Amino acid sequence: DGWDIPDADVVCRQLRCGHAVRAHGNATFGRGQGPILR
């Protein structure tokens, strides 16, 4: 909900992976486990 490129940019920078080129929802890379934290 509300997930977009500025959010993804922070993730990419934090992981030293450059900047975001795509921000996906709907479990594009499969459904995770555990709690939903944010």
PDB file of all heavy atoms in Angstrom:
ATOM      1  N   ASP A   1       0.854  -1.197   0.000  1.00  0.00           N
ATOM      2  CA  ASP A   1       0.000   0.000   0.000  1.00  0.00           C
ATOM      3  C   ASP A   1       0.887   1.244   0.000  1.00  0.00           C
ATOM      4  O   ASP A   1       1.690   1.441   0.914  1.00  0.00           O
ATOM      5  CB  ASP A   1      -0.893   0.030   1.252  1.00  0.00           C
ATOM      6  CG  ASP A   1      -1.925  -1.086   1.248  1.00  0.00           C
ATOM      7  OD1 ASP A   1      -2.179  -1.661   0.163  1.00  0.00           O
ATOM      8  OD2 ASP A   1      -2.474  -1.398   2.326  1.00  0.00           O
ATOM      9  N   GLY A   2       0.756   2.066  -1.019  1.00  0.00           N
ATOM     10  CA  GLY A   2       1.548   3.285  -1.118  1.00  0.00           C
ATOM     11  C   GLY A   2       3.002   3.072  -1.497  1.00  0.00           C
ATOM     12  O   GLY A   2       3.795   4.012  -1.477  1.00  0.00           O
ATOM     13  N   TRP A   3       3.383   1.842  -1.845  1.00  0.00           N
ATOM     14  CA  TRP A   3       4.793   1.529  -2.174  1.00  0.00           C
ATOM     15  C   TRP A   3       5.141   2.119  -3.536  1.00  0.00           C
ATOM     16  O   TRP A   3       4.467   1.848  -4.524  1.00  0.00           O
ATOM     17  CB  TRP A   3       4.990   0.015  -2.191  1.00  0.00           C
ATOM     18  CG  TRP A   3       6.411  -0.411  -2.369  1.00  0.00           C
ATOM     19  CD1 TRP A   3       6.974  -0.939  -3.491  1.00  0.00           C
ATOM     20  CD2 TRP A   3       7.452  -0.344  -1.387  1.00  0.00           C
ATOM     21  NE1 TRP A   3       8.299  -1.209  -3.275  1.00  0.00           N
ATOM     22  CE2 TRP A   3       8.619  -0.848  -1.988  1.00  0.00           C
ATOM     23  CE3 TRP A   3       7.507   0.103  -0.063  1.00  0.00           C
ATOM     24  CZ2 TRP A   3       9.833  -0.928  -1.314  1.00  0.00           C
ATOM     25  CZ3 TRP A   3       8.723   0.027   0.611  1.00  0.00           C
ATOM     26  CH2 TRP A   3       9.862  -0.490  -0.010  1.00  0.00           C
ATOM     27  N   ASP A   4       6.199   2.942  -3.590  1.00  0.00           N
ATOM     28  CA  ASP A   4       6.550   3.592  -4.856  1.00  0.00           C
ATOM     29  C   ASP A   4       8.067   3.772  -4.969  1.00  0.00           C
ATOM     30  O   ASP A   4       8.824   3.309  -4.118  1.00  0.00           O
ATOM     31  CB  ASP A   4       5.813   4.932  -4.996  1.00  0.00           C
ATOM     32  CG  ASP A   4       6.090   5.877  -3.829  1.00  0.00           C
ATOM     33  OD1 ASP A   4       7.041   5.617  -3.056  1.00  0.00           O
ATOM     34  OD2 ASP A   4       5.361   6.874  -3.685  1.00  0.00           O
ATOM     35  N   ILE A   5       8.488   4.431  -6.043  1.00  0.00           N
ATOM     36  CA  ILE A   5       9.923   4.553  -6.345  1.00  0.00           C
ATOM     37  C   ILE A   5      10.724   5.234  -5.220  1.00  0.00           C
ATOM     38  O   ILE A   5      11.812   4.759  -4.883  1.00  0.00           O
ATOM     39  CB  ILE A   5      10.140   5.256  -7.714  1.00  0.00           C
ATOM     40  CG1 ILE A   5       9.758   4.304  -8.875  1.00  0.00           C
ATOM     41  CG2 ILE A   5      11.589   5.726  -7.884  1.00  0.00           C
ATOM     42  CD1 ILE A   5      10.736   3.159  -9.126  1.00  0.00           C
ATOM     43  N   PRO A   6      10.255   6.326  -4.590  1.00  0.00           N
ATOM     44  CA  PRO A   6      11.045   6.893  -3.487  1.00  0.00           C
ATOM     45  C   PRO A   6      11.288   5.890  -2.346  1.00  0.00           C
ATOM     46  O   PRO A   6      12.380   5.857  -1.762  1.00  0.00           O
ATOM     47  CB  PRO A   6      10.202   8.088  -3.011  1.00  0.00           C
ATOM     48  CG  PRO A   6       9.415   8.480  -4.224  1.00  0.00           C
ATOM     49  CD  PRO A   6       9.114   7.204  -4.936  1.00  0.00           C
ATOM     50  N   ASP A   7      10.283   5.061  -2.039  1.00  0.00           N
ATOM     51  CA  ASP A   7      10.468   4.016  -1.020  1.00  0.00           C
ATOM     52  C   ASP A   7      11.529   3.014  -1.478  1.00  0.00           C
ATOM     53  O   ASP A   7      12.426   2.636  -0.722  1.00  0.00           O
ATOM     54  CB  ASP A   7       9.153   3.261  -0.773  1.00  0.00           C
ATOM     55  CG  ASP A   7       8.005   4.184  -0.382  1.00  0.00           C
ATOM     56  OD1 ASP A   7       8.256   5.163   0.339  1.00  0.00           O
ATOM     57  OD2 ASP A   7       6.868   3.919  -0.801  1.00  0.00           O
ATOM     58  N   ALA A   8      11.400   2.577  -2.728  1.00  0.00           N
ATOM     59  CA  ALA A   8      12.337   1.587  -3.280  1.00  0.00           C
ATOM     60  C   ALA A   8      13.753   2.161  -3.364  1.00  0.00           C
ATOM     61  O   ALA A   8      14.740   1.447  -3.160  1.00  0.00           O
ATOM     62  CB  ALA A   8      11.851   1.130  -4.658  1.00  0.00           C
ATOM     63  N   ASP A   9      13.872   3.470  -3.667  1.00  0.00           N
ATOM     64  CA  ASP A   9      15.184   4.126  -3.725  1.00  0.00           C
ATOM     65  C   ASP A   9      15.934   3.993  -2.401  1.00  0.00           C
ATOM     66  O   ASP A   9      17.141   3.744  -2.375  1.00  0.00           O
ATOM     67  CB  ASP A   9      15.016   5.625  -4.037  1.00  0.00           C
ATOM     68  CG  ASP A   9      15.189   5.929  -5.518  1.00  0.00           C
ATOM     69  OD1 ASP A   9      15.856   5.136  -6.215  1.00  0.00           O
ATOM     70  OD2 ASP A   9      14.668   6.963  -5.969  1.00  0.00           O
ATOM     71  N   VAL A  10      15.209   4.175  -1.296  1.00  0.00           N
ATOM     72  CA  VAL A  10      15.838   4.087   0.025  1.00  0.00           C
ATOM     73  C   VAL A  10      16.361   2.667   0.253  1.00  0.00           C
ATOM     74  O   VAL A  10      17.480   2.475   0.742  1.00  0.00           O
ATOM     75  CB  VAL A  10      14.844   4.511   1.131  1.00  0.00           C
ATOM     76  CG1 VAL A  10      15.431   4.265   2.521  1.00  0.00           C
ATOM     77  CG2 VAL A  10      14.467   5.982   0.959  1.00  0.00           C
ATOM     78  N   VAL A  11      15.561   1.673  -0.116  1.00  0.00           N
ATOM     79  CA  VAL A  11      15.987   0.277   0.024  1.00  0.00           C
ATOM     80  C   VAL A  11      17.253   0.015  -0.789  1.00  0.00           C
ATOM     81  O   VAL A  11      18.231  -0.556  -0.291  1.00  0.00           O
ATOM     82  CB  VAL A  11      14.858  -0.680  -0.414  1.00  0.00           C
ATOM     83  CG1 VAL A  11      15.364  -2.112  -0.512  1.00  0.00           C
ATOM     84  CG2 VAL A  11      13.677  -0.584   0.552  1.00  0.00           C
ATOM     85  N   CYS A  12      17.260   0.449  -2.056  1.00  0.00           N
ATOM     86  CA  CYS A  12      18.416   0.210  -2.932  1.00  0.00           C
ATOM     87  C   CYS A  12      19.667   0.892  -2.378  1.00  0.00           C
ATOM     88  O   CYS A  12      20.751   0.304  -2.355  1.00  0.00           O
ATOM     89  CB  CYS A  12      18.123   0.698  -4.346  1.00  0.00           C
ATOM     90  SG  CYS A  12      16.863  -0.288  -5.211  1.00  0.00           S
ATOM     91  N   ARG A  13      19.517   2.124  -1.917  1.00  0.00           N
ATOM     92  CA  ARG A  13      20.673   2.849  -1.385  1.00  0.00           C
ATOM     93  C   ARG A  13      21.196   2.167  -0.117  1.00  0.00           C
ATOM     94  O   ARG A  13      22.400   1.997   0.060  1.00  0.00           O
ATOM     95  CB  ARG A  13      20.303   4.296  -1.089  1.00  0.00           C
ATOM     96  CG  ARG A  13      21.524   5.135  -0.679  1.00  0.00           C
ATOM     97  CD  ARG A  13      21.207   6.565  -0.323  1.00  0.00           C
ATOM     98  NE  ARG A  13      20.401   7.219  -1.322  1.00  0.00           N
ATOM     99  CZ  ARG A  13      19.141   7.639  -1.117  1.00  0.00           C
ATOM    100  NH1 ARG A  13      18.558   7.463   0.064  1.00  0.00           N
ATOM    101  NH2 ARG A  13      18.474   8.228  -2.069  1.00  0.00           N
ATOM    102  N   GLN A  14      20.276   1.766   0.743  1.00  0.00           N
ATOM    103  CA  GLN A  14      20.668   1.117   2.005  1.00  0.00           C
ATOM    104  C   GLN A  14      21.458  -0.170   1.742  1.00  0.00           C
ATOM    105  O   GLN A  14      22.387  -0.505   2.479  1.00  0.00           O
ATOM    106  CB  GLN A  14      19.417   0.824   2.832  1.00  0.00           C
ATOM    107  CG  GLN A  14      19.688   0.429   4.270  1.00  0.00           C
ATOM    108  CD  GLN A  14      18.385   0.222   5.059  1.00  0.00           C
ATOM    109  OE1 GLN A  14      17.321   0.680   4.644  1.00  0.00           O
ATOM    110  NE2 GLN A  14      18.478  -0.470   6.175  1.00  0.00           N
ATOM    111  N   LEU A  15      21.112  -0.887   0.683  1.00  0.00           N
ATOM    112  CA  LEU A  15      21.779  -2.146   0.351  1.00  0.00           C
ATOM    113  C   LEU A  15      22.981  -1.957  -0.580  1.00  0.00           C
ATOM    114  O   LEU A  15      23.559  -2.919  -1.056  1.00  0.00           O
ATOM    115  CB  LEU A  15      20.772  -3.106  -0.302  1.00  0.00           C
ATOM    116  CG  LEU A  15      19.661  -3.607   0.623  1.00  0.00           C
ATOM    117  CD1 LEU A  15      18.631  -4.389  -0.168  1.00  0.00           C
ATOM    118  CD2 LEU A  15      20.221  -4.452   1.751  1.00  0.00           C
ATOM    119  N   ARG A  16      23.322  -0.686  -0.859  1.00  0.00           N
ATOM    120  CA  ARG A  16      24.407  -0.349  -1.805  1.00  0.00           C
ATOM    121  C   ARG A  16      24.157  -0.983  -3.170  1.00  0.00           C
ATOM    122  O   ARG A  16      25.052  -1.570  -3.780  1.00  0.00           O
ATOM    123  CB  ARG A  16      25.770  -0.787  -1.250  1.00  0.00           C
ATOM    124  CG  ARG A  16      26.169  -0.036   0.005  1.00  0.00           C
ATOM    125  CD  ARG A  16      27.633  -0.246   0.346  1.00  0.00           C
ATOM    126  NE  ARG A  16      28.059   0.611   1.435  1.00  0.00           N
ATOM    127  CZ  ARG A  16      27.944   0.292   2.732  1.00  0.00           C
ATOM    128  NH1 ARG A  16      27.412  -0.860   3.074  1.00  0.00           N
ATOM    129  NH2 ARG A  16      28.371   1.126   3.656  1.00  0.00           N
ATOM    130  N   CYS A  17      22.921  -0.864  -3.623  1.00  0.00           N
ATOM    131  CA  CYS A  17      22.524  -1.427  -4.921  1.00  0.00           C
ATOM    132  C   CYS A  17      22.139  -0.329  -5.914  1.00  0.00           C
ATOM    133  O   CYS A  17      21.390  -0.575  -6.865  1.00  0.00           O
ATOM    134  CB  CYS A  17      21.347  -2.387  -4.740  1.00  0.00           C
ATOM    135  SG  CYS A  17      21.812  -3.982  -4.019  1.00  0.00           S
ATOM    136  N   GLY A  18      22.632   0.899  -5.691  1.00  0.00           N
ATOM    137  CA  GLY A  18      22.322   1.979  -6.624  1.00  0.00           C
ATOM    138  C   GLY A  18      20.958   2.588  -6.328  1.00  0.00           C
ATOM    139  O   GLY A  18      20.582   2.776  -5.177  1.00  0.00           O
ATOM    140  N   HIS A  19      20.215   2.875  -7.393  1.00  0.00           N
ATOM    141  CA  HIS A  19      18.879   3.461  -7.241  1.00  0.00           C
ATOM    142  C   HIS A  19      17.825   2.480  -7.766  1.00  0.00           C
ATOM    143  O   HIS A  19      18.157   1.486  -8.405  1.00  0.00           O
ATOM    144  CB  HIS A  19      18.785   4.799  -7.991  1.00  0.00           C
ATOM    145  CG  HIS A  19      18.977   4.659  -9.462  1.00  0.00           C
ATOM    146  ND1 HIS A  19      20.211   4.758 -10.069  1.00  0.00           N
ATOM    147  CD2 HIS A  19      18.093   4.397 -10.469  1.00  0.00           C
ATOM    148  CE1 HIS A  19      20.076   4.572 -11.380  1.00  0.00           C
ATOM    149  NE2 HIS A  19      18.806   4.343 -11.650  1.00  0.00           N
ATOM    150  N   ALA A  20      16.567   2.782  -7.477  1.00  0.00           N
ATOM    151  CA  ALA A  20      15.481   1.882  -7.886  1.00  0.00           C
ATOM    152  C   ALA A  20      15.133   2.083  -9.354  1.00  0.00           C
ATOM    153  O   ALA A  20      15.013   3.215  -9.813  1.00  0.00           O
ATOM    154  CB  ALA A  20      14.253   2.134  -7.019  1.00  0.00           C
ATOM    155  N   VAL A  21      14.983   1.000 -10.096  1.00  0.00           N
ATOM    156  CA  VAL A  21      14.458   1.092 -11.460  1.00  0.00           C
ATOM    157  C   VAL A  21      13.018   0.574 -11.532  1.00  0.00           C
ATOM    158  O   VAL A  21      12.290   0.919 -12.442  1.00  0.00           O
ATOM    159  CB  VAL A  21      15.351   0.365 -12.502  1.00  0.00           C
ATOM    160  CG1 VAL A  21      16.688   1.072 -12.635  1.00  0.00           C
ATOM    161  CG2 VAL A  21      15.577  -1.095 -12.159  1.00  0.00           C
ATOM    162  N   ARG A  22      12.612  -0.225 -10.545  1.00  0.00           N
ATOM    163  CA  ARG A  22      11.216  -0.673 -10.478  1.00  0.00           C
ATOM    164  C   ARG A  22      10.802  -0.842  -9.022  1.00  0.00           C
ATOM    165  O   ARG A  22      11.606  -1.278  -8.194  1.00  0.00           O
ATOM    166  CB  ARG A  22      11.017  -2.014 -11.199  1.00  0.00           C
ATOM    167  CG  ARG A  22      11.304  -1.967 -12.694  1.00  0.00           C
ATOM    168  CD  ARG A  22      10.958  -3.281 -13.377  1.00  0.00           C
ATOM    169  NE  ARG A  22      11.615  -3.366 -14.671  1.00  0.00           N
ATOM    170  CZ  ARG A  22      12.320  -4.414 -15.099  1.00  0.00           C
ATOM    171  NH1 ARG A  22      12.445  -5.485 -14.345  1.00  0.00           N
ATOM    172  NH2 ARG A  22      12.878  -4.409 -16.286  1.00  0.00           N
ATOM    173  N   ALA A  23       9.564  -0.497  -8.742  1.00  0.00           N
ATOM    174  CA  ALA A  23       8.980  -0.743  -7.416  1.00  0.00           C
ATOM    175  C   ALA A  23       7.735  -1.593  -7.637  1.00  0.00           C
ATOM    176  O   ALA A  23       6.769  -1.128  -8.240  1.00  0.00           O
ATOM    177  CB  ALA A  23       8.616   0.576  -6.739  1.00  0.00           C
ATOM    178  N   HIS A  24       7.759  -2.842  -7.205  1.00  0.00           N
ATOM    179  CA  HIS A  24       6.666  -3.773  -7.469  1.00  0.00           C
ATOM    180  C   HIS A  24       5.837  -4.036  -6.214  1.00  0.00           C
ATOM    181  O   HIS A  24       6.352  -3.979  -5.103  1.00  0.00           O
ATOM    182  CB  HIS A  24       7.206  -5.135  -7.942  1.00  0.00           C
ATOM    183  CG  HIS A  24       7.802  -5.117  -9.306  1.00  0.00           C
ATOM    184  ND1 HIS A  24       7.090  -4.795 -10.428  1.00  0.00           N
ATOM    185  CD2 HIS A  24       9.063  -5.413  -9.730  1.00  0.00           C
ATOM    186  CE1 HIS A  24       7.891  -4.887 -11.491  1.00  0.00           C
ATOM    187  NE2 HIS A  24       9.095  -5.254 -11.093  1.00  0.00           N
ATOM    188  N   GLY A  25       4.581  -4.363  -6.410  1.00  0.00           N
ATOM    189  CA  GLY A  25       3.724  -4.872  -5.343  1.00  0.00           C
ATOM    190  C   GLY A  25       3.226  -6.258  -5.709  1.00  0.00           C
ATOM    191  O   GLY A  25       3.783  -6.928  -6.583  1.00  0.00           O
ATOM    192  N   ASN A  26       2.157  -6.681  -5.036  1.00  0.00           N
ATOM    193  CA  ASN A  26       1.471  -7.938  -5.375  1.00  0.00           C
ATOM    194  C   ASN A  26       2.387  -9.160  -5.365  1.00  0.00           C
ATOM    195  O   ASN A  26       2.253 -10.045  -6.213  1.00  0.00           O
ATOM    196  CB  ASN A  26       0.770  -7.831  -6.739  1.00  0.00           C
ATOM    197  CG  ASN A  26      -0.275  -6.727  -6.747  1.00  0.00           C
ATOM    198  OD1 ASN A  26      -0.900  -6.464  -5.724  1.00  0.00           O
ATOM    199  ND2 ASN A  26      -0.427  -6.063  -7.873  1.00  0.00           N
ATOM    200  N   ALA A  27       3.339  -9.173  -4.443  1.00  0.00           N
ATOM    201  CA  ALA A  27       4.217 -10.344  -4.262  1.00  0.00           C
ATOM    202  C   ALA A  27       4.853 -10.808  -5.571  1.00  0.00           C
ATOM    203  O   ALA A  27       4.873 -11.992  -5.894  1.00  0.00           O
ATOM    204  CB  ALA A  27       3.439 -11.500  -3.609  1.00  0.00           C
ATOM    205  N   THR A  28       5.394  -9.838  -6.330  1.00  0.00           N
ATOM    206  CA  THR A  28       6.035 -10.136  -7.618  1.00  0.00           C
ATOM    207  C   THR A  28       7.116 -11.209  -7.494  1.00  0.00           C
ATOM    208  O   THR A  28       7.287 -12.038  -8.377  1.00  0.00           O
ATOM    209  CB  THR A  28       6.652  -8.843  -8.199  1.00  0.00           C
ATOM    210  OG1 THR A  28       5.599  -7.901  -8.411  1.00  0.00           O
ATOM    211  CG2 THR A  28       7.367  -9.101  -9.517  1.00  0.00           C
ATOM    212  N   PHE A  29       7.859 -11.213  -6.384  1.00  0.00           N
ATOM    213  CA  PHE A  29       8.932 -12.196  -6.190  1.00  0.00           C
ATOM    214  C   PHE A  29       8.525 -13.274  -5.178  1.00  0.00           C
ATOM    215  O   PHE A  29       9.363 -13.848  -4.489  1.00  0.00           O
ATOM    216  CB  PHE A  29      10.219 -11.487  -5.752  1.00  0.00           C
ATOM    217  CG  PHE A  29      10.812 -10.630  -6.837  1.00  0.00           C
ATOM    218  CD1 PHE A  29      10.570  -9.266  -6.887  1.00  0.00           C
ATOM    219  CD2 PHE A  29      11.591 -11.197  -7.843  1.00  0.00           C
ATOM    220  CE1 PHE A  29      11.093  -8.475  -7.898  1.00  0.00           C
ATOM    221  CE2 PHE A  29      12.123 -10.421  -8.865  1.00  0.00           C
ATOM    222  CZ  PHE A  29      11.876  -9.051  -8.892  1.00  0.00           C
ATOM    223  N   GLY A  30       7.224 -13.536  -5.124  1.00  0.00           N
ATOM    224  CA  GLY A  30       6.729 -14.585  -4.234  1.00  0.00           C
ATOM    225  C   GLY A  30       6.293 -14.033  -2.886  1.00  0.00           C
ATOM    226  O   GLY A  30       6.652 -12.923  -2.499  1.00  0.00           O
ATOM    227  N   ARG A  31       5.477 -14.797  -2.201  1.00  0.00           N
ATOM    228  CA  ARG A  31       4.963 -14.380  -0.899  1.00  0.00           C
ATOM    229  C   ARG A  31       5.971 -14.692   0.194  1.00  0.00           C
ATOM    230  O   ARG A  31       6.555 -15.773   0.219  1.00  0.00           O
ATOM    231  CB  ARG A  31       3.647 -15.108  -0.599  1.00  0.00           C
ATOM    232  CG  ARG A  31       2.557 -14.769  -1.592  1.00  0.00           C
ATOM    233  CD  ARG A  31       1.261 -15.483  -1.252  1.00  0.00           C
ATOM    234  NE  ARG A  31       0.261 -15.228  -2.298  1.00  0.00           N
ATOM    235  CZ  ARG A  31      -1.038 -15.398  -2.135  1.00  0.00           C
ATOM    236  NH1 ARG A  31      -1.496 -15.850  -0.978  1.00  0.00           N
ATOM    237  NH2 ARG A  31      -1.879 -15.138  -3.116  1.00  0.00           N
ATOM    238  N   GLY A  32       6.141 -13.727   1.092  1.00  0.00           N
ATOM    239  CA  GLY A  32       7.067 -13.915   2.197  1.00  0.00           C
ATOM    240  C   GLY A  32       6.441 -14.677   3.351  1.00  0.00           C
ATOM    241  O   GLY A  32       5.293 -15.114   3.297  1.00  0.00           O
ATOM    242  N   GLN A  33       7.234 -14.818   4.414  1.00  0.00           N
ATOM    243  CA  GLN A  33       6.807 -15.488   5.644  1.00  0.00           C
ATOM    244  C   GLN A  33       6.861 -14.478   6.776  1.00  0.00           C
ATOM    245  O   GLN A  33       7.438 -13.412   6.635  1.00  0.00           O
ATOM    246  CB  GLN A  33       7.760 -16.647   5.964  1.00  0.00           C
ATOM    247  CG  GLN A  33       7.943 -17.640   4.831  1.00  0.00           C
ATOM    248  CD  GLN A  33       6.780 -18.593   4.720  1.00  0.00           C
ATOM    249  OE1 GLN A  33       6.276 -19.073   5.721  1.00  0.00           O
ATOM    250  NE2 GLN A  33       6.350 -18.857   3.500  1.00  0.00           N
ATOM    251  N   GLY A  34       6.308 -14.860   7.908  1.00  0.00           N
ATOM    252  CA  GLY A  34       6.472 -14.041   9.104  1.00  0.00           C
ATOM    253  C   GLY A  34       5.549 -12.840   9.117  1.00  0.00           C
ATOM    254  O   GLY A  34       4.634 -12.715   8.304  1.00  0.00           O
ATOM    255  N   PRO A  35       5.804 -11.905  10.054  1.00  0.00           N
ATOM    256  CA  PRO A  35       4.918 -10.753  10.208  1.00  0.00           C
ATOM    257  C   PRO A  35       5.068  -9.747   9.069  1.00  0.00           C
ATOM    258  O   PRO A  35       6.098  -9.715   8.400  1.00  0.00           O
ATOM    259  CB  PRO A  35       5.399 -10.136  11.531  1.00  0.00           C
ATOM    260  CG  PRO A  35       6.834 -10.552  11.654  1.00  0.00           C
ATOM    261  CD  PRO A  35       6.924 -11.902  11.018  1.00  0.00           C
ATOM    262  N   ILE A  36       4.028  -8.950   8.872  1.00  0.00           N
ATOM    263  CA  ILE A  36       4.112  -7.811   7.957  1.00  0.00           C
ATOM    264  C   ILE A  36       4.427  -6.599   8.835  1.00  0.00           C
ATOM    265  O   ILE A  36       3.624  -6.204   9.680  1.00  0.00           O
ATOM    266  CB  ILE A  36       2.798  -7.646   7.177  1.00  0.00           C
ATOM    267  CG1 ILE A  36       2.613  -8.860   6.251  1.00  0.00           C
ATOM    268  CG2 ILE A  36       2.815  -6.347   6.367  1.00  0.00           C
ATOM    269  CD1 ILE A  36       1.238  -8.993   5.638  1.00  0.00           C
ATOM    270  N   LEU A  37       5.639  -6.051   8.666  1.00  0.00           N
ATOM    271  CA  LEU A  37       6.183  -5.100   9.640  1.00  0.00           C
ATOM    272  C   LEU A  37       5.923  -3.636   9.304  1.00  0.00           C
ATOM    273  O   LEU A  37       6.065  -2.772  10.164  1.00  0.00           O
ATOM    274  CB  LEU A  37       7.699  -5.331   9.785  1.00  0.00           C
ATOM    275  CG  LEU A  37       8.089  -6.699  10.342  1.00  0.00           C
ATOM    276  CD1 LEU A  37       9.597  -6.899  10.260  1.00  0.00           C
ATOM    277  CD2 LEU A  37       7.613  -6.854  11.782  1.00  0.00           C
ATOM    278  N   ARG A  38       5.582  -3.330   8.053  1.00  0.00           N
ATOM    279  CA  ARG A  38       5.351  -1.947   7.662  1.00  0.00           C
ATOM    280  C   ARG A  38       4.206  -1.894   6.662  1.00  0.00           C
ATOM    281  O   ARG A  38       4.079  -2.774   5.800  1.00  0.00           O
ATOM    282  CB  ARG A  38       6.579  -1.337   6.982  1.00  0.00           C
ATOM    283  CG  ARG A  38       7.819  -1.181   7.838  1.00  0.00           C
ATOM    284  CD  ARG A  38       7.727   0.041   8.726  1.00  0.00           C
ATOM    285  NE  ARG A  38       8.973   0.341   9.409  1.00  0.00           N
ATOM    286  CZ  ARG A  38       9.463  -0.346  10.433  1.00  0.00           C
ATOM    287  NH1 ARG A  38       8.844  -1.412  10.878  1.00  0.00           N
ATOM    288  NH2 ARG A  38      10.591   0.031  11.024  1.00  0.00           N
TER     289      ARG A  38
END
